[in-house]
Amino acid sequence: TWALRESGPDVGRDPSRTPMQWDEGPFAGFSDREPWLPLS
């Protein structure tokens, strides 16, 4: 929500909250469907 309200290089926490990556599968073993945030 913060990134949706403000903009700038120091704004937004999503890039630090992306899913843990467990294996080489299509969704990195985190889920069997598209995760709520992107994978690396």
Full PDB file with SEQRES, HELIX, SHEET, SSBOND, CRYST1, ORIGX, SCALE, CONECT and MASTER records, all heavy atoms in Angstrom:
SEQRES   1 A   40  THR TRP ALA LEU ARG GLU SER GLY PRO ASP VAL GLY ARG          
SEQRES   2 A   40  ASP PRO SER ARG THR PRO MET GLN TRP ASP GLU GLY PRO          
SEQRES   3 A   40  PHE ALA GLY PHE SER ASP ARG GLU PRO TRP LEU PRO LEU          
SEQRES   4 A   40  SER                                                          
HELIX    1 AA1 TRP A    2  ARG A    5  1                                   4    
HELIX    2 AA2 ASP A   14  SER A   16  5                                   3    
CRYST1    1.000    1.000    1.000  90.00  90.00  90.00 P 1           1          
ORIGX1      1.000000  0.000000  0.000000        0.00000                         
ORIGX2      0.000000  1.000000  0.000000        0.00000                         
ORIGX3      0.000000  0.000000  1.000000        0.00000                         
SCALE1      1.000000  0.000000  0.000000        0.00000                         
SCALE2      0.000000  1.000000  0.000000        0.00000                         
SCALE3      0.000000  0.000000  1.000000        0.00000                         
ATOM      1  N   THR A   1       0.821  -1.213   0.000  1.00  0.00           N  
ATOM      2  CA  THR A   1       0.000   0.000   0.000  1.00  0.00           C  
ATOM      3  C   THR A   1       0.850   1.256   0.000  1.00  0.00           C  
ATOM      4  O   THR A   1       0.493   2.266  -0.618  1.00  0.00           O  
ATOM      5  CB  THR A   1      -0.934   0.006   1.224  1.00  0.00           C  
ATOM      6  OG1 THR A   1      -1.618  -1.245   1.297  1.00  0.00           O  
ATOM      7  CG2 THR A   1      -1.944   1.128   1.137  1.00  0.00           C  
ATOM      8  N   TRP A   2       1.966   1.221   0.706  1.00  0.00           N  
ATOM      9  CA  TRP A   2       2.851   2.383   0.736  1.00  0.00           C  
ATOM     10  C   TRP A   2       3.338   2.718  -0.677  1.00  0.00           C  
ATOM     11  O   TRP A   2       3.308   3.876  -1.105  1.00  0.00           O  
ATOM     12  CB  TRP A   2       4.027   2.093   1.658  1.00  0.00           C  
ATOM     13  CG  TRP A   2       5.009   3.219   1.794  1.00  0.00           C  
ATOM     14  CD1 TRP A   2       4.742   4.560   1.710  1.00  0.00           C  
ATOM     15  CD2 TRP A   2       6.416   3.106   2.038  1.00  0.00           C  
ATOM     16  NE1 TRP A   2       5.902   5.285   1.895  1.00  0.00           N  
ATOM     17  CE2 TRP A   2       6.934   4.424   2.099  1.00  0.00           C  
ATOM     18  CE3 TRP A   2       7.276   2.039   2.228  1.00  0.00           C  
ATOM     19  CZ2 TRP A   2       8.290   4.672   2.330  1.00  0.00           C  
ATOM     20  CZ3 TRP A   2       8.618   2.293   2.463  1.00  0.00           C  
ATOM     21  CH2 TRP A   2       9.116   3.587   2.508  1.00  0.00           C  
ATOM     22  N   ALA A   3       3.768   1.701  -1.432  1.00  0.00           N  
ATOM     23  CA  ALA A   3       4.252   1.937  -2.791  1.00  0.00           C  
ATOM     24  C   ALA A   3       3.142   2.406  -3.716  1.00  0.00           C  
ATOM     25  O   ALA A   3       3.402   3.114  -4.697  1.00  0.00           O  
ATOM     26  CB  ALA A   3       4.886   0.659  -3.336  1.00  0.00           C  
ATOM     27  N   LEU A   4       1.909   2.031  -3.412  1.00  0.00           N  
ATOM     28  CA  LEU A   4       0.782   2.489  -4.224  1.00  0.00           C  
ATOM     29  C   LEU A   4       0.423   3.940  -3.919  1.00  0.00           C  
ATOM     30  O   LEU A   4      -0.210   4.613  -4.729  1.00  0.00           O  
ATOM     31  CB  LEU A   4      -0.438   1.591  -3.981  1.00  0.00           C  
ATOM     32  CG  LEU A   4      -0.307   0.144  -4.482  1.00  0.00           C  
ATOM     33  CD1 LEU A   4      -1.456  -0.702  -3.968  1.00  0.00           C  
ATOM     34  CD2 LEU A   4      -0.234   0.106  -6.002  1.00  0.00           C  
ATOM     35  N   ARG A   5       0.846   4.444  -2.758  1.00  0.00           N  
ATOM     36  CA  ARG A   5       0.537   5.821  -2.347  1.00  0.00           C  
ATOM     37  C   ARG A   5       1.657   6.794  -2.683  1.00  0.00           C  
ATOM     38  O   ARG A   5       1.406   7.958  -2.966  1.00  0.00           O  
ATOM     39  CB  ARG A   5       0.259   5.859  -0.843  1.00  0.00           C  
ATOM     40  CG  ARG A   5      -1.034   5.185  -0.428  1.00  0.00           C  
ATOM     41  CD  ARG A   5      -1.062   4.958   1.081  1.00  0.00           C  
ATOM     42  NE  ARG A   5      -0.939   6.177   1.833  1.00  0.00           N  
ATOM     43  CZ  ARG A   5      -1.935   6.798   2.473  1.00  0.00           C  
ATOM     44  NH1 ARG A   5      -3.164   6.305   2.402  1.00  0.00           N  
ATOM     45  NH2 ARG A   5      -1.740   7.890   3.158  1.00  0.00           N  
ATOM     46  N   GLU A   6       2.900   6.331  -2.573  1.00  0.00           N  
ATOM     47  CA  GLU A   6       4.052   7.184  -2.842  1.00  0.00           C  
ATOM     48  C   GLU A   6       4.917   6.526  -3.901  1.00  0.00           C  
ATOM     49  O   GLU A   6       4.809   5.330  -4.162  1.00  0.00           O  
ATOM     50  CB  GLU A   6       4.885   7.391  -1.569  1.00  0.00           C  
ATOM     51  CG  GLU A   6       4.250   8.287  -0.534  1.00  0.00           C  
ATOM     52  CD  GLU A   6       5.274   8.759   0.485  1.00  0.00           C  
ATOM     53  OE1 GLU A   6       5.953   9.772   0.216  1.00  0.00           O  
ATOM     54  OE2 GLU A   6       5.386   8.126   1.549  1.00  0.00           O  
ATOM     55  N   SER A   7       5.811   7.291  -4.468  1.00  0.00           N  
ATOM     56  CA  SER A   7       6.751   6.741  -5.441  1.00  0.00           C  
ATOM     57  C   SER A   7       8.145   7.246  -5.110  1.00  0.00           C  
ATOM     58  O   SER A   7       8.310   8.218  -4.373  1.00  0.00           O  
ATOM     59  CB  SER A   7       6.373   7.155  -6.868  1.00  0.00           C  
ATOM     60  OG  SER A   7       6.401   8.572  -7.006  1.00  0.00           O  
ATOM     61  N   GLY A   8       9.125   6.573  -5.634  1.00  0.00           N  
ATOM     62  CA  GLY A   8      10.500   6.987  -5.392  1.00  0.00           C  
ATOM     63  C   GLY A   8      11.385   5.784  -5.157  1.00  0.00           C  
ATOM     64  O   GLY A   8      10.919   4.679  -4.859  1.00  0.00           O  
ATOM     65  N   PRO A   9      12.710   5.966  -5.269  1.00  0.00           N  
ATOM     66  CA  PRO A   9      13.652   4.841  -5.141  1.00  0.00           C  
ATOM     67  C   PRO A   9      13.673   4.220  -3.750  1.00  0.00           C  
ATOM     68  O   PRO A   9      14.052   3.065  -3.598  1.00  0.00           O  
ATOM     69  CB  PRO A   9      15.004   5.474  -5.492  1.00  0.00           C  
ATOM     70  CG  PRO A   9      14.819   6.944  -5.236  1.00  0.00           C  
ATOM     71  CD  PRO A   9      13.397   7.242  -5.554  1.00  0.00           C  
ATOM     72  N   ASP A  10      13.305   4.975  -2.722  1.00  0.00           N  
ATOM     73  CA  ASP A  10      13.346   4.459  -1.352  1.00  0.00           C  
ATOM     74  C   ASP A  10      11.976   4.042  -0.854  1.00  0.00           C  
ATOM     75  O   ASP A  10      11.781   3.835   0.352  1.00  0.00           O  
ATOM     76  CB  ASP A  10      13.917   5.527  -0.410  1.00  0.00           C  
ATOM     77  CG  ASP A  10      15.339   5.920  -0.781  1.00  0.00           C  
ATOM     78  OD1 ASP A  10      16.087   5.020  -1.216  1.00  0.00           O  
ATOM     79  OD2 ASP A  10      15.692   7.098  -0.653  1.00  0.00           O  
ATOM     80  N   VAL A  11      11.015   3.923  -1.736  1.00  0.00           N  
ATOM     81  CA  VAL A  11       9.644   3.609  -1.354  1.00  0.00           C  
ATOM     82  C   VAL A  11       9.281   2.212  -1.868  1.00  0.00           C  
ATOM     83  O   VAL A  11       9.609   1.864  -2.997  1.00  0.00           O  
ATOM     84  CB  VAL A  11       8.661   4.657  -1.924  1.00  0.00           C  
ATOM     85  CG1 VAL A  11       7.224   4.219  -1.688  1.00  0.00           C  
ATOM     86  CG2 VAL A  11       8.917   6.023  -1.297  1.00  0.00           C  
ATOM     87  N   GLY A  12       8.607   1.456  -1.041  1.00  0.00           N  
ATOM     88  CA  GLY A  12       8.104   0.161  -1.470  1.00  0.00           C  
ATOM     89  C   GLY A  12       8.849  -0.996  -0.853  1.00  0.00           C  
ATOM     90  O   GLY A  12      10.090  -1.019  -0.837  1.00  0.00           O  
ATOM     91  N   ARG A  13       8.084  -1.971  -0.348  1.00  0.00           N  
ATOM     92  CA  ARG A  13       8.669  -3.101   0.362  1.00  0.00           C  
ATOM     93  C   ARG A  13       8.473  -4.433  -0.357  1.00  0.00           C  
ATOM     94  O   ARG A  13       9.014  -5.454   0.073  1.00  0.00           O  
ATOM     95  CB  ARG A  13       8.066  -3.170   1.772  1.00  0.00           C  
ATOM     96  CG  ARG A  13       8.307  -1.890   2.583  1.00  0.00           C  
ATOM     97  CD  ARG A  13       7.408  -1.796   3.788  1.00  0.00           C  
ATOM     98  NE  ARG A  13       6.015  -1.624   3.393  1.00  0.00           N  
ATOM     99  CZ  ARG A  13       5.004  -1.554   4.267  1.00  0.00           C  
ATOM    100  NH1 ARG A  13       5.238  -1.633   5.560  1.00  0.00           N  
ATOM    101  NH2 ARG A  13       3.770  -1.409   3.834  1.00  0.00           N  
ATOM    102  N   ASP A  14       7.715  -4.445  -1.443  1.00  0.00           N  
ATOM    103  CA  ASP A  14       7.464  -5.693  -2.161  1.00  0.00           C  
ATOM    104  C   ASP A  14       8.744  -6.408  -2.602  1.00  0.00           C  
ATOM    105  O   ASP A  14       8.834  -7.642  -2.497  1.00  0.00           O  
ATOM    106  CB  ASP A  14       6.579  -5.447  -3.380  1.00  0.00           C  
ATOM    107  CG  ASP A  14       5.127  -5.170  -3.017  1.00  0.00           C  
ATOM    108  OD1 ASP A  14       4.711  -5.549  -1.904  1.00  0.00           O  
ATOM    109  OD2 ASP A  14       4.401  -4.590  -3.848  1.00  0.00           O  
ATOM    110  N   PRO A  15       9.759  -5.697  -3.135  1.00  0.00           N  
ATOM    111  CA  PRO A  15      10.954  -6.406  -3.613  1.00  0.00           C  
ATOM    112  C   PRO A  15      11.674  -7.211  -2.534  1.00  0.00           C  
ATOM    113  O   PRO A  15      12.469  -8.100  -2.853  1.00  0.00           O  
ATOM    114  CB  PRO A  15      11.842  -5.273  -4.147  1.00  0.00           C  
ATOM    115  CG  PRO A  15      10.881  -4.193  -4.516  1.00  0.00           C  
ATOM    116  CD  PRO A  15       9.818  -4.253  -3.456  1.00  0.00           C  
ATOM    117  N   SER A  16      11.416  -6.897  -1.261  1.00  0.00           N  
ATOM    118  CA  SER A  16      12.044  -7.628  -0.157  1.00  0.00           C  
ATOM    119  C   SER A  16      11.126  -8.682   0.440  1.00  0.00           C  
ATOM    120  O   SER A  16      11.498  -9.332   1.423  1.00  0.00           O  
ATOM    121  CB  SER A  16      12.468  -6.643   0.937  1.00  0.00           C  
ATOM    122  OG  SER A  16      13.382  -5.700   0.433  1.00  0.00           O  
ATOM    123  N   ARG A  17       9.952  -8.861  -0.144  1.00  0.00           N  
ATOM    124  CA  ARG A  17       8.967  -9.783   0.426  1.00  0.00           C  
ATOM    125  C   ARG A  17       8.560 -10.885  -0.556  1.00  0.00           C  
ATOM    126  O   ARG A  17       7.546 -11.542  -0.371  1.00  0.00           O  
ATOM    127  CB  ARG A  17       7.717  -8.998   0.845  1.00  0.00           C  
ATOM    128  CG  ARG A  17       7.985  -7.959   1.922  1.00  0.00           C  
ATOM    129  CD  ARG A  17       6.737  -7.146   2.224  1.00  0.00           C  
ATOM    130  NE  ARG A  17       6.926  -6.259   3.364  1.00  0.00           N  
ATOM    131  CZ  ARG A  17       5.965  -5.515   3.908  1.00  0.00           C  
ATOM    132  NH1 ARG A  17       4.740  -5.538   3.385  1.00  0.00           N  
ATOM    133  NH2 ARG A  17       6.217  -4.749   4.946  1.00  0.00           N  
ATOM    134  N   THR A  18       9.337 -11.081  -1.589  1.00  0.00           N  
ATOM    135  CA  THR A  18       8.968 -12.053  -2.615  1.00  0.00           C  
ATOM    136  C   THR A  18       9.122 -13.478  -2.088  1.00  0.00           C  
ATOM    137  O   THR A  18       9.815 -13.719  -1.097  1.00  0.00           O  
ATOM    138  CB  THR A  18       9.818 -11.852  -3.879  1.00  0.00           C  
ATOM    139  OG1 THR A  18      11.207 -11.977  -3.534  1.00  0.00           O  
ATOM    140  CG2 THR A  18       9.567 -10.480  -4.476  1.00  0.00           C  
ATOM    141  N   PRO A  19       8.474 -14.452  -2.741  1.00  0.00           N  
ATOM    142  CA  PRO A  19       8.454 -15.819  -2.215  1.00  0.00           C  
ATOM    143  C   PRO A  19       9.825 -16.474  -2.076  1.00  0.00           C  
ATOM    144  O   PRO A  19      10.734 -16.240  -2.877  1.00  0.00           O  
ATOM    145  CB  PRO A  19       7.604 -16.567  -3.244  1.00  0.00           C  
ATOM    146  CG  PRO A  19       6.690 -15.526  -3.801  1.00  0.00           C  
ATOM    147  CD  PRO A  19       7.549 -14.289  -3.875  1.00  0.00           C  
ATOM    148  N   MET A  20       9.928 -17.318  -1.061  1.00  0.00           N  
ATOM    149  CA  MET A  20      11.102 -18.171  -0.899  1.00  0.00           C  
ATOM    150  C   MET A  20      11.169 -19.129  -2.083  1.00  0.00           C  
ATOM    151  O   MET A  20      10.134 -19.585  -2.582  1.00  0.00           O  
ATOM    152  CB  MET A  20      11.004 -18.952   0.405  1.00  0.00           C  
ATOM    153  CG  MET A  20      12.200 -19.828   0.719  1.00  0.00           C  
ATOM    154  SD  MET A  20      13.718 -18.863   0.902  1.00  0.00           S  
ATOM    155  CE  MET A  20      14.856 -20.155   1.404  1.00  0.00           C  
ATOM    156  N   GLN A  21      12.383 -19.425  -2.522  1.00  0.00           N  
ATOM    157  CA  GLN A  21      12.582 -20.240  -3.712  1.00  0.00           C  
ATOM    158  C   GLN A  21      13.188 -21.581  -3.304  1.00  0.00           C  
ATOM    159  O   GLN A  21      14.329 -21.653  -2.860  1.00  0.00           O  
ATOM    160  CB  GLN A  21      13.430 -19.465  -4.710  1.00  0.00           C  
ATOM    161  CG  GLN A  21      12.728 -18.176  -5.137  1.00  0.00           C  
ATOM    162  CD  GLN A  21      13.508 -17.228  -6.002  1.00  0.00           C  
ATOM    163  OE1 GLN A  21      13.000 -16.177  -6.424  1.00  0.00           O  
ATOM    164  NE2 GLN A  21      14.751 -17.554  -6.308  1.00  0.00           N  
ATOM    165  N   TRP A  22      12.393 -22.637  -3.472  1.00  0.00           N  
ATOM    166  CA  TRP A  22      12.759 -23.949  -2.949  1.00  0.00           C  
ATOM    167  C   TRP A  22      13.344 -24.889  -3.996  1.00  0.00           C  
ATOM    168  O   TRP A  22      14.203 -25.706  -3.685  1.00  0.00           O  
ATOM    169  CB  TRP A  22      11.530 -24.602  -2.311  1.00  0.00           C  
ATOM    170  CG  TRP A  22      11.004 -23.826  -1.145  1.00  0.00           C  
ATOM    171  CD1 TRP A  22       9.903 -23.016  -1.121  1.00  0.00           C  
ATOM    172  CD2 TRP A  22      11.575 -23.773   0.165  1.00  0.00           C  
ATOM    173  NE1 TRP A  22       9.747 -22.469   0.131  1.00  0.00           N  
ATOM    174  CE2 TRP A  22      10.761 -22.920   0.940  1.00  0.00           C  
ATOM    175  CE3 TRP A  22      12.681 -24.370   0.764  1.00  0.00           C  
ATOM    176  CZ2 TRP A  22      11.012 -22.642   2.281  1.00  0.00           C  
ATOM    177  CZ3 TRP A  22      12.943 -24.102   2.099  1.00  0.00           C  
ATOM    178  CH2 TRP A  22      12.123 -23.246   2.840  1.00  0.00           C  
ATOM    179  N   ASP A  23      12.841 -24.837  -5.230  1.00  0.00           N  
ATOM    180  CA  ASP A  23      13.358 -25.749  -6.249  1.00  0.00           C  
ATOM    181  C   ASP A  23      13.247 -25.105  -7.631  1.00  0.00           C  
ATOM    182  O   ASP A  23      12.846 -23.942  -7.753  1.00  0.00           O  
ATOM    183  CB  ASP A  23      12.644 -27.105  -6.199  1.00  0.00           C  
ATOM    184  CG  ASP A  23      11.144 -27.023  -6.456  1.00  0.00           C  
ATOM    185  OD1 ASP A  23      10.728 -26.210  -7.299  1.00  0.00           O  
ATOM    186  OD2 ASP A  23      10.390 -27.775  -5.819  1.00  0.00           O  
ATOM    187  N   GLU A  24      13.593 -25.863  -8.666  1.00  0.00           N  
ATOM    188  CA  GLU A  24      13.657 -25.315 -10.019  1.00  0.00           C  
ATOM    189  C   GLU A  24      12.346 -25.432 -10.772  1.00  0.00           C  
ATOM    190  O   GLU A  24      12.294 -25.198 -11.987  1.00  0.00           O  
ATOM    191  CB  GLU A  24      14.800 -25.966 -10.806  1.00  0.00           C  
ATOM    192  CG  GLU A  24      14.787 -27.472 -10.844  1.00  0.00           C  
ATOM    193  CD  GLU A  24      15.551 -28.119  -9.693  1.00  0.00           C  
ATOM    194  OE1 GLU A  24      15.171 -27.930  -8.529  1.00  0.00           O  
ATOM    195  OE2 GLU A  24      16.527 -28.838  -9.981  1.00  0.00           O  
ATOM    196  N   GLY A  25      11.274 -25.766 -10.096  1.00  0.00           N  
ATOM    197  CA  GLY A  25       9.964 -25.874 -10.729  1.00  0.00           C  
ATOM    198  C   GLY A  25       9.435 -24.529 -11.207  1.00  0.00           C  
ATOM    199  O   GLY A  25      10.029 -23.477 -10.928  1.00  0.00           O  
ATOM    200  N   PRO A  26       8.297 -24.517 -11.904  1.00  0.00           N  
ATOM    201  CA  PRO A  26       7.780 -23.277 -12.492  1.00  0.00           C  
ATOM    202  C   PRO A  26       7.477 -22.188 -11.470  1.00  0.00           C  
ATOM    203  O   PRO A  26       7.591 -21.009 -11.789  1.00  0.00           O  
ATOM    204  CB  PRO A  26       6.503 -23.734 -13.217  1.00  0.00           C  
ATOM    205  CG  PRO A  26       6.181 -25.076 -12.650  1.00  0.00           C  
ATOM    206  CD  PRO A  26       7.484 -25.690 -12.251  1.00  0.00           C  
ATOM    207  N   PHE A  27       7.105 -22.583 -10.259  1.00  0.00           N  
ATOM    208  CA  PHE A  27       6.840 -21.593  -9.210  1.00  0.00           C  
ATOM    209  C   PHE A  27       7.780 -21.796  -8.026  1.00  0.00           C  
ATOM    210  O   PHE A  27       7.444 -21.491  -6.887  1.00  0.00           O  
ATOM    211  CB  PHE A  27       5.372 -21.637  -8.787  1.00  0.00           C  
ATOM    212  CG  PHE A  27       4.415 -21.400  -9.929  1.00  0.00           C  
ATOM    213  CD1 PHE A  27       3.492 -22.365 -10.302  1.00  0.00           C  
ATOM    214  CD2 PHE A  27       4.482 -20.219 -10.657  1.00  0.00           C  
ATOM    215  CE1 PHE A  27       2.637 -22.151 -11.362  1.00  0.00           C  
ATOM    216  CE2 PHE A  27       3.626 -19.997 -11.727  1.00  0.00           C  
ATOM    217  CZ  PHE A  27       2.707 -20.964 -12.091  1.00  0.00           C  
ATOM    218  N   ALA A  28       8.950 -22.321  -8.329  1.00  0.00           N  
ATOM    219  CA  ALA A  28      10.058 -22.460  -7.375  1.00  0.00           C  
ATOM    220  C   ALA A  28       9.710 -23.278  -6.140  1.00  0.00           C  
ATOM    221  O   ALA A  28      10.342 -23.120  -5.098  1.00  0.00           O  
ATOM    222  CB  ALA A  28      10.579 -21.078  -6.967  1.00  0.00           C  
ATOM    223  N   GLY A  29       8.713 -24.158  -6.243  1.00  0.00           N  
ATOM    224  CA  GLY A  29       8.348 -24.982  -5.102  1.00  0.00           C  
ATOM    225  C   GLY A  29       7.600 -24.243  -4.020  1.00  0.00           C  
ATOM    226  O   GLY A  29       7.207 -24.836  -3.010  1.00  0.00           O  
ATOM    227  N   PHE A  30       7.369 -22.944  -4.237  1.00  0.00           N  
ATOM    228  CA  PHE A  30       6.618 -22.161  -3.255  1.00  0.00           C  
ATOM    229  C   PHE A  30       5.128 -22.490  -3.338  1.00  0.00           C  
ATOM    230  O   PHE A  30       4.433 -22.565  -2.325  1.00  0.00           O  
ATOM    231  CB  PHE A  30       6.840 -20.666  -3.494  1.00  0.00           C  
ATOM    232  CG  PHE A  30       5.892 -19.777  -2.722  1.00  0.00           C  
ATOM    233  CD1 PHE A  30       6.052 -19.583  -1.362  1.00  0.00           C  
ATOM    234  CD2 PHE A  30       4.827 -19.138  -3.360  1.00  0.00           C  
ATOM    235  CE1 PHE A  30       5.169 -18.784  -0.645  1.00  0.00           C  
ATOM    236  CE2 PHE A  30       3.946 -18.342  -2.653  1.00  0.00           C  
ATOM    237  CZ  PHE A  30       4.125 -18.163  -1.297  1.00  0.00           C  
ATOM    238  N   SER A  31       4.634 -22.691  -4.542  1.00  0.00           N  
ATOM    239  CA  SER A  31       3.212 -22.926  -4.766  1.00  0.00           C  
ATOM    240  C   SER A  31       3.047 -23.678  -6.085  1.00  0.00           C  
ATOM    241  O   SER A  31       3.989 -23.789  -6.877  1.00  0.00           O  
ATOM    242  CB  SER A  31       2.461 -21.583  -4.823  1.00  0.00           C  
ATOM    243  OG  SER A  31       1.078 -21.769  -5.065  1.00  0.00           O  
ATOM    244  N   ASP A  32       1.840 -24.179  -6.303  1.00  0.00           N  
ATOM    245  CA  ASP A  32       1.512 -24.800  -7.593  1.00  0.00           C  
ATOM    246  C   ASP A  32       0.783 -23.830  -8.515  1.00  0.00           C  
ATOM    247  O   ASP A  32       0.278 -24.235  -9.571  1.00  0.00           O  
ATOM    248  CB  ASP A  32       0.653 -26.051  -7.374  1.00  0.00           C  
ATOM    249  CG  ASP A  32       1.456 -27.210  -6.825  1.00  0.00           C  
ATOM    250  OD1 ASP A  32       2.682 -27.231  -7.042  1.00  0.00           O  
ATOM    251  OD2 ASP A  32       0.875 -28.080  -6.151  1.00  0.00           O  
ATOM    252  N   ARG A  33       0.715 -22.573  -8.108  1.00  0.00           N  
ATOM    253  CA  ARG A  33       0.119 -21.546  -8.959  1.00  0.00           C  
ATOM    254  C   ARG A  33       0.933 -20.270  -8.840  1.00  0.00           C  
ATOM    255  O   ARG A  33       1.866 -20.173  -8.031  1.00  0.00           O  
ATOM    256  CB  ARG A  33      -1.346 -21.290  -8.585  1.00  0.00           C  
ATOM    257  CG  ARG A  33      -1.549 -20.848  -7.140  1.00  0.00           C  
ATOM    258  CD  ARG A  33      -2.898 -20.213  -6.930  1.00  0.00           C  
ATOM    259  NE  ARG A  33      -2.968 -18.913  -7.602  1.00  0.00           N  
ATOM    260  CZ  ARG A  33      -4.057 -18.135  -7.589  1.00  0.00           C  
ATOM    261  NH1 ARG A  33      -5.154 -18.552  -6.986  1.00  0.00           N  
ATOM    262  NH2 ARG A  33      -4.050 -16.972  -8.194  1.00  0.00           N  
ATOM    263  N   GLU A  34       0.617 -19.294  -9.657  1.00  0.00           N  
ATOM    264  CA  GLU A  34       1.352 -18.022  -9.668  1.00  0.00           C  
ATOM    265  C   GLU A  34       1.348 -17.402  -8.275  1.00  0.00           C  
ATOM    266  O   GLU A  34       0.297 -17.156  -7.695  1.00  0.00           O  
ATOM    267  CB  GLU A  34       0.713 -17.055 -10.655  1.00  0.00           C  
ATOM    268  CG  GLU A  34       1.467 -15.752 -10.844  1.00  0.00           C  
ATOM    269  CD  GLU A  34       2.747 -15.915 -11.649  1.00  0.00           C  
ATOM    270  OE1 GLU A  34       2.813 -16.822 -12.512  1.00  0.00           O  
ATOM    271  OE2 GLU A  34       3.685 -15.143 -11.414  1.00  0.00           O  
ATOM    272  N   PRO A  35       2.534 -17.129  -7.692  1.00  0.00           N  
ATOM    273  CA  PRO A  35       2.586 -16.546  -6.343  1.00  0.00           C  
ATOM    274  C   PRO A  35       2.086 -15.103  -6.325  1.00  0.00           C  
ATOM    275  O   PRO A  35       2.002 -14.426  -7.353  1.00  0.00           O  
ATOM    276  CB  PRO A  35       4.072 -16.603  -6.006  1.00  0.00           C  
ATOM    277  CG  PRO A  35       4.665 -17.590  -6.941  1.00  0.00           C  
ATOM    278  CD  PRO A  35       3.855 -17.472  -8.202  1.00  0.00           C  
ATOM    279  N   TRP A  36       1.789 -14.647  -5.131  1.00  0.00           N  
ATOM    280  CA  TRP A  36       1.246 -13.295  -4.948  1.00  0.00           C  
ATOM    281  C   TRP A  36       2.231 -12.213  -5.361  1.00  0.00           C  
ATOM    282  O   TRP A  36       1.820 -11.123  -5.744  1.00  0.00           O  
ATOM    283  CB  TRP A  36       0.787 -13.121  -3.504  1.00  0.00           C  
ATOM    284  CG  TRP A  36       1.884 -12.937  -2.497  1.00  0.00           C  
ATOM    285  CD1 TRP A  36       2.741 -13.887  -2.029  1.00  0.00           C  
ATOM    286  CD2 TRP A  36       2.231 -11.724  -1.816  1.00  0.00           C  
ATOM    287  NE1 TRP A  36       3.614 -13.347  -1.108  1.00  0.00           N  
ATOM    288  CE2 TRP A  36       3.307 -12.018  -0.950  1.00  0.00           C  
ATOM    289  CE3 TRP A  36       1.735 -10.422  -1.850  1.00  0.00           C  
ATOM    290  CZ2 TRP A  36       3.899 -11.059  -0.133  1.00  0.00           C  
ATOM    291  CZ3 TRP A  36       2.313  -9.465  -1.032  1.00  0.00           C  
ATOM    292  CH2 TRP A  36       3.389  -9.786  -0.190  1.00  0.00           C  
ATOM    293  N   LEU A  37       3.536 -12.495  -5.310  1.00  0.00           N  
ATOM    294  CA  LEU A  37       4.574 -11.601  -5.818  1.00  0.00           C  
ATOM    295  C   LEU A  37       5.497 -12.408  -6.728  1.00  0.00           C  
ATOM    296  O   LEU A  37       5.565 -13.637  -6.627  1.00  0.00           O  
ATOM    297  CB  LEU A  37       5.381 -10.991  -4.664  1.00  0.00           C  
ATOM    298  CG  LEU A  37       4.744  -9.833  -3.887  1.00  0.00           C  
ATOM    299  CD1 LEU A  37       5.642  -9.423  -2.730  1.00  0.00           C  
ATOM    300  CD2 LEU A  37       4.453  -8.630  -4.782  1.00  0.00           C  
ATOM    301  N   PRO A  38       6.223 -11.735  -7.622  1.00  0.00           N  
ATOM    302  CA  PRO A  38       7.074 -12.458  -8.575  1.00  0.00           C  
ATOM    303  C   PRO A  38       8.241 -13.177  -7.904  1.00  0.00           C  
ATOM    304  O   PRO A  38       8.659 -12.844  -6.784  1.00  0.00           O  
ATOM    305  CB  PRO A  38       7.588 -11.353  -9.498  1.00  0.00           C  
ATOM    306  CG  PRO A  38       6.752 -10.152  -9.232  1.00  0.00           C  
ATOM    307  CD  PRO A  38       6.253 -10.282  -7.835  1.00  0.00           C  
ATOM    308  N   LEU A  39       8.786 -14.129  -8.611  1.00  0.00           N  
ATOM    309  CA  LEU A  39      10.023 -14.795  -8.231  1.00  0.00           C  
ATOM    310  C   LEU A  39      11.198 -14.054  -8.861  1.00  0.00           C  
ATOM    311  O   LEU A  39      11.019 -13.225  -9.754  1.00  0.00           O  
ATOM    312  CB  LEU A  39      10.004 -16.241  -8.723  1.00  0.00           C  
ATOM    313  CG  LEU A  39       8.856 -17.110  -8.196  1.00  0.00           C  
ATOM    314  CD1 LEU A  39       8.727 -18.369  -9.041  1.00  0.00           C  
ATOM    315  CD2 LEU A  39       9.074 -17.445  -6.738  1.00  0.00           C  
ATOM    316  N   SER A  40      12.406 -14.343  -8.394  1.00  0.00           N  
ATOM    317  CA  SER A  40      13.572 -13.712  -9.015  1.00  0.00           C  
ATOM    318  C   SER A  40      13.769 -14.280 -10.415  1.00  0.00           C  
ATOM    319  O   SER A  40      13.433 -15.445 -10.681  1.00  0.00           O  
ATOM    320  CB  SER A  40      14.819 -13.944  -8.160  1.00  0.00           C  
ATOM    321  OG  SER A  40      15.257 -15.280  -8.273  1.00  0.00           O  
TER     322      SER A  40                                                      
MASTER        0    0    0    2    0    0    0    6  321    1    0    4          
END                                                                             
